């Protein structure tokens, strides 16, 4: 699982909304102080999105990465000019420069 590999190498894991694994399985697979963020696609189902965010808040997710481009499986064009990414981090979160950060 990607979670274990990310933890072994000290890489922040972004948990996608449309993951092939269950969100709770991914959270449960983390080790120690491993950092995990949730990627959330903005959709018309605001109630569903709210539920996903509230569930993530109850876990150890350290941040919320909001994606507002088109939600489509398997379509990952590099440099999509219509994509907008917003990272929301809790005000009390301590963000140190990560060794893999550019």
N, C-alpha and C. Protein backbone atom coordinates (compact mmCIF):
# COMPACT_ATOMS: atom_id res chain seq x y z
N UNK A 1 0.83 -1.17 0.00
CA UNK A 1 0.00 0.00 0.00
C UNK A 1 0.88 1.24 0.00
N UNK A 2 0.47 2.25 -0.70
CA UNK A 2 1.21 3.50 -0.82
C UNK A 2 1.45 4.14 0.55
N UNK A 3 0.50 4.00 1.44
CA UNK A 3 0.61 4.59 2.78
C UNK A 3 1.86 4.11 3.49
N UNK A 4 2.10 2.81 3.46
CA UNK A 4 3.27 2.26 4.15
C UNK A 4 4.56 2.74 3.51
N UNK A 5 4.60 2.79 2.18
CA UNK A 5 5.80 3.25 1.48
C UNK A 5 6.07 4.73 1.78
N UNK A 6 5.01 5.55 1.78
CA UNK A 6 5.17 6.98 2.09
C UNK A 6 5.70 7.15 3.50
N UNK A 7 5.17 6.39 4.43
CA UNK A 7 5.62 6.46 5.81
C UNK A 7 7.08 6.05 5.97
N UNK A 8 7.49 4.99 5.28
CA UNK A 8 8.89 4.52 5.35
C UNK A 8 9.86 5.58 4.86
N UNK A 9 9.46 6.35 3.86
CA UNK A 9 10.36 7.32 3.22
C UNK A 9 10.10 8.76 3.67
N UNK A 10 9.21 8.96 4.64
CA UNK A 10 8.97 10.29 5.17
C UNK A 10 8.29 11.24 4.18
N UNK A 11 7.46 10.69 3.31
CA UNK A 11 6.78 11.50 2.30
C UNK A 11 5.34 11.78 2.76
N UNK A 12 4.91 13.02 2.62
CA UNK A 12 3.52 13.37 2.95
C UNK A 12 2.61 12.65 1.96
N UNK A 13 1.57 12.02 2.49
CA UNK A 13 0.64 11.30 1.62
C UNK A 13 -0.61 12.13 1.38
N UNK A 14 -0.98 12.27 0.12
CA UNK A 14 -2.22 12.91 -0.26
C UNK A 14 -3.23 11.80 -0.50
N UNK A 15 -4.32 11.76 0.28
CA UNK A 15 -5.34 10.73 0.12
C UNK A 15 -6.39 11.26 -0.84
N UNK A 16 -6.51 10.67 -2.02
CA UNK A 16 -7.48 11.18 -2.99
C UNK A 16 -8.92 10.85 -2.63
N UNK A 17 -9.81 11.72 -3.05
CA UNK A 17 -11.24 11.48 -2.85
C UNK A 17 -11.66 10.20 -3.54
N UNK A 18 -11.17 9.99 -4.74
CA UNK A 18 -11.54 8.82 -5.54
C UNK A 18 -10.45 7.76 -5.47
N UNK A 19 -10.18 7.28 -4.28
CA UNK A 19 -9.14 6.29 -4.08
C UNK A 19 -9.66 4.89 -4.36
N UNK A 20 -8.76 4.00 -4.73
CA UNK A 20 -9.15 2.60 -4.93
C UNK A 20 -9.23 1.87 -3.59
N UNK A 21 -8.74 2.50 -2.52
CA UNK A 21 -8.83 1.94 -1.16
C UNK A 21 -9.79 2.78 -0.33
N UNK A 22 -10.35 2.17 0.67
CA UNK A 22 -11.24 2.85 1.60
C UNK A 22 -10.45 3.87 2.41
N UNK A 23 -11.02 5.06 2.63
CA UNK A 23 -10.36 6.14 3.38
C UNK A 23 -9.89 5.65 4.75
N UNK A 24 -10.74 4.97 5.49
CA UNK A 24 -10.38 4.51 6.83
C UNK A 24 -9.26 3.47 6.81
N UNK A 25 -9.22 2.64 5.76
CA UNK A 25 -8.11 1.67 5.63
C UNK A 25 -6.79 2.41 5.46
N UNK A 26 -6.82 3.48 4.69
CA UNK A 26 -5.59 4.26 4.45
C UNK A 26 -5.15 4.92 5.76
N UNK A 27 -6.08 5.53 6.47
CA UNK A 27 -5.77 6.17 7.75
C UNK A 27 -5.23 5.14 8.75
N UNK A 28 -5.85 3.98 8.80
CA UNK A 28 -5.44 2.94 9.75
C UNK A 28 -4.06 2.37 9.41
N UNK A 29 -3.62 2.47 8.16
CA UNK A 29 -2.34 1.90 7.75
C UNK A 29 -1.16 2.82 8.07
N UNK A 30 -1.43 4.06 8.45
CA UNK A 30 -0.32 4.99 8.74
C UNK A 30 0.43 4.57 9.98
N UNK A 31 1.68 4.94 10.04
CA UNK A 31 2.54 4.59 11.17
C UNK A 31 3.03 5.86 11.86
N UNK A 32 2.96 5.88 13.17
CA UNK A 32 3.53 6.96 13.96
C UNK A 32 3.00 8.33 13.60
N UNK A 33 3.93 9.27 13.40
CA UNK A 33 3.56 10.66 13.12
C UNK A 33 3.52 10.96 11.61
N UNK A 34 3.30 9.95 10.82
CA UNK A 34 3.21 10.12 9.36
C UNK A 34 2.14 11.17 9.03
N UNK A 35 2.44 12.04 8.08
CA UNK A 35 1.53 13.12 7.71
C UNK A 35 0.67 12.69 6.52
N UNK A 36 -0.63 12.88 6.67
CA UNK A 36 -1.59 12.58 5.60
C UNK A 36 -2.51 13.78 5.40
N UNK A 37 -2.77 14.11 4.14
CA UNK A 37 -3.70 15.16 3.77
C UNK A 37 -4.81 14.53 2.95
N UNK A 38 -5.97 15.15 2.96
CA UNK A 38 -7.09 14.68 2.15
C UNK A 38 -7.26 15.58 0.94
N UNK A 39 -7.30 15.00 -0.24
CA UNK A 39 -7.61 15.74 -1.46
C UNK A 39 -9.12 15.64 -1.65
N UNK A 40 -9.77 16.78 -1.81
CA UNK A 40 -11.22 16.80 -1.97
C UNK A 40 -11.59 17.47 -3.28
N UNK A 41 -12.34 16.77 -4.11
CA UNK A 41 -12.87 17.37 -5.33
C UNK A 41 -14.14 18.12 -4.99
N UNK A 42 -14.24 19.35 -5.45
CA UNK A 42 -15.46 20.14 -5.25
C UNK A 42 -16.51 19.58 -6.20
N UNK A 43 -17.70 19.31 -5.66
CA UNK A 43 -18.78 18.79 -6.48
C UNK A 43 -20.09 19.45 -6.06
N UNK A 44 -21.13 19.14 -6.79
CA UNK A 44 -22.43 19.72 -6.47
C UNK A 44 -23.04 19.12 -5.22
N UNK A 45 -22.60 17.95 -4.84
CA UNK A 45 -23.13 17.29 -3.65
C UNK A 45 -22.49 17.86 -2.39
N UNK A 46 -22.85 19.07 -2.04
CA UNK A 46 -22.23 19.76 -0.90
C UNK A 46 -22.40 18.99 0.41
N UNK A 47 -23.55 18.34 0.58
CA UNK A 47 -23.77 17.55 1.79
C UNK A 47 -22.79 16.40 1.90
N UNK A 48 -22.53 15.75 0.77
CA UNK A 48 -21.57 14.64 0.75
C UNK A 48 -20.17 15.17 1.06
N UNK A 49 -19.81 16.28 0.43
CA UNK A 49 -18.49 16.88 0.67
C UNK A 49 -18.33 17.26 2.14
N UNK A 50 -19.37 17.84 2.72
CA UNK A 50 -19.32 18.24 4.12
C UNK A 50 -19.09 17.01 5.01
N UNK A 51 -19.79 15.93 4.70
CA UNK A 51 -19.62 14.69 5.46
C UNK A 51 -18.21 14.14 5.37
N UNK A 52 -17.63 14.18 4.17
CA UNK A 52 -16.26 13.69 3.96
C UNK A 52 -15.28 14.53 4.78
N UNK A 53 -15.44 15.86 4.74
CA UNK A 53 -14.55 16.75 5.49
C UNK A 53 -14.70 16.52 7.00
N UNK A 54 -15.93 16.40 7.47
CA UNK A 54 -16.15 16.18 8.90
C UNK A 54 -15.55 14.84 9.34
N UNK A 55 -15.65 13.83 8.50
CA UNK A 55 -15.06 12.53 8.82
C UNK A 55 -13.53 12.66 8.89
N UNK A 56 -12.95 13.37 7.93
CA UNK A 56 -11.49 13.55 7.91
C UNK A 56 -11.03 14.34 9.14
N UNK A 57 -11.83 15.30 9.59
CA UNK A 57 -11.47 16.09 10.77
C UNK A 57 -11.36 15.21 12.02
N UNK A 58 -12.13 14.14 12.06
CA UNK A 58 -12.11 13.25 13.22
C UNK A 58 -10.90 12.32 13.21
N UNK A 59 -10.20 12.26 12.08
CA UNK A 59 -9.01 11.40 11.96
C UNK A 59 -7.77 12.24 12.19
N UNK A 60 -6.66 11.72 11.75
CA UNK A 60 -5.38 12.42 11.94
C UNK A 60 -4.95 13.20 10.70
N UNK A 61 -5.84 13.45 9.76
CA UNK A 61 -5.49 14.24 8.57
C UNK A 61 -5.03 15.62 9.01
N UNK A 62 -3.90 16.07 8.48
CA UNK A 62 -3.31 17.34 8.88
C UNK A 62 -3.69 18.49 7.95
N UNK A 63 -4.27 18.20 6.79
CA UNK A 63 -4.61 19.25 5.86
C UNK A 63 -5.67 18.81 4.88
N UNK A 64 -6.24 19.79 4.21
CA UNK A 64 -7.26 19.55 3.21
C UNK A 64 -6.82 20.22 1.92
N UNK A 65 -6.70 19.46 0.87
CA UNK A 65 -6.25 19.94 -0.43
C UNK A 65 -7.47 19.94 -1.34
N UNK A 66 -7.97 21.11 -1.70
CA UNK A 66 -9.20 21.20 -2.47
C UNK A 66 -8.88 21.34 -3.95
N UNK A 67 -9.47 20.45 -4.76
CA UNK A 67 -9.28 20.47 -6.21
C UNK A 67 -10.60 20.89 -6.84
N UNK A 68 -10.56 21.92 -7.67
CA UNK A 68 -11.80 22.43 -8.26
C UNK A 68 -11.85 22.28 -9.77
N UNK A 69 -11.00 21.43 -10.33
CA UNK A 69 -11.08 21.16 -11.77
C UNK A 69 -12.08 20.03 -11.99
N UNK A 70 -12.24 19.61 -13.22
CA UNK A 70 -13.21 18.55 -13.55
C UNK A 70 -12.82 17.24 -12.88
N UNK A 71 -13.79 16.60 -12.27
CA UNK A 71 -13.57 15.32 -11.59
C UNK A 71 -13.79 14.19 -12.58
N UNK A 72 -12.69 13.59 -13.06
CA UNK A 72 -12.79 12.49 -14.03
C UNK A 72 -11.72 11.46 -13.69
N UNK A 73 -12.11 10.22 -13.68
CA UNK A 73 -11.16 9.15 -13.43
C UNK A 73 -10.21 8.98 -14.61
N UNK A 74 -8.94 8.76 -14.32
CA UNK A 74 -7.99 8.43 -15.35
C UNK A 74 -7.57 9.56 -16.27
N UNK A 75 -7.98 10.76 -16.00
CA UNK A 75 -7.61 11.88 -16.87
C UNK A 75 -6.69 12.81 -16.09
N UNK A 76 -5.41 12.72 -16.36
CA UNK A 76 -4.42 13.48 -15.60
C UNK A 76 -3.51 14.25 -16.54
N UNK A 77 -4.03 15.24 -17.23
CA UNK A 77 -3.18 16.03 -18.11
C UNK A 77 -2.32 16.98 -17.29
N UNK A 78 -1.05 17.00 -17.61
CA UNK A 78 -0.12 17.87 -16.93
C UNK A 78 -0.36 19.31 -17.36
N UNK A 79 -0.33 20.22 -16.43
CA UNK A 79 -0.45 21.62 -16.78
C UNK A 79 -1.84 22.04 -17.19
N UNK A 80 -2.87 21.44 -16.64
CA UNK A 80 -4.24 21.81 -16.96
C UNK A 80 -4.48 23.26 -16.54
N UNK A 81 -4.69 24.19 -17.51
CA UNK A 81 -4.86 25.60 -17.15
C UNK A 81 -6.16 25.88 -16.40
N UNK A 82 -7.10 24.94 -16.36
CA UNK A 82 -8.36 25.15 -15.67
C UNK A 82 -8.34 24.64 -14.24
N UNK A 83 -7.23 24.04 -13.85
CA UNK A 83 -7.14 23.47 -12.50
C UNK A 83 -6.75 24.55 -11.49
N UNK A 84 -7.34 24.48 -10.33
CA UNK A 84 -7.01 25.37 -9.22
C UNK A 84 -6.89 24.52 -7.98
N UNK A 85 -5.78 24.63 -7.29
CA UNK A 85 -5.55 23.83 -6.10
C UNK A 85 -5.40 24.75 -4.90
N UNK A 86 -6.08 24.43 -3.83
CA UNK A 86 -6.04 25.23 -2.61
C UNK A 86 -5.71 24.30 -1.46
N UNK A 87 -4.71 24.65 -0.69
CA UNK A 87 -4.35 23.85 0.48
C UNK A 87 -4.85 24.57 1.72
N UNK A 88 -5.67 23.89 2.49
CA UNK A 88 -6.18 24.46 3.74
C UNK A 88 -5.57 23.68 4.88
N UNK A 89 -4.91 24.40 5.77
CA UNK A 89 -4.25 23.77 6.90
C UNK A 89 -4.82 24.39 8.17
N UNK A 90 -5.09 23.60 9.19
CA UNK A 90 -5.62 24.15 10.44
C UNK A 90 -4.68 25.23 10.99
N UNK A 91 -5.24 26.28 11.62
CA UNK A 91 -4.40 27.39 12.10
C UNK A 91 -3.35 26.97 13.12
N UNK A 92 -3.59 25.90 13.86
CA UNK A 92 -2.62 25.47 14.88
C UNK A 92 -1.63 24.45 14.35
N UNK A 93 -1.69 24.14 13.05
CA UNK A 93 -0.79 23.14 12.46
C UNK A 93 0.62 23.70 12.37
N UNK A 94 1.58 22.88 12.66
CA UNK A 94 2.98 23.27 12.55
C UNK A 94 3.52 22.70 11.25
N UNK A 95 3.83 23.56 10.31
CA UNK A 95 4.33 23.12 9.01
C UNK A 95 5.81 23.44 8.90
N UNK A 96 6.63 22.44 8.98
CA UNK A 96 8.05 22.60 8.78
C UNK A 96 8.36 22.27 7.33
N UNK A 97 9.44 22.80 6.83
CA UNK A 97 9.84 22.48 5.46
C UNK A 97 10.15 20.99 5.39
N UNK A 98 9.50 20.33 4.45
CA UNK A 98 9.69 18.89 4.28
C UNK A 98 10.89 18.68 3.37
N UNK A 99 11.71 17.65 3.59
CA UNK A 99 12.91 17.43 2.76
C UNK A 99 12.61 17.25 1.28
N UNK A 100 11.39 16.84 0.93
CA UNK A 100 11.03 16.63 -0.46
C UNK A 100 10.32 17.82 -1.08
N UNK A 101 10.13 18.88 -0.28
CA UNK A 101 9.43 20.08 -0.76
C UNK A 101 10.34 20.85 -1.70
N UNK A 102 9.77 21.36 -2.76
CA UNK A 102 10.54 22.12 -3.75
C UNK A 102 10.59 23.56 -3.36
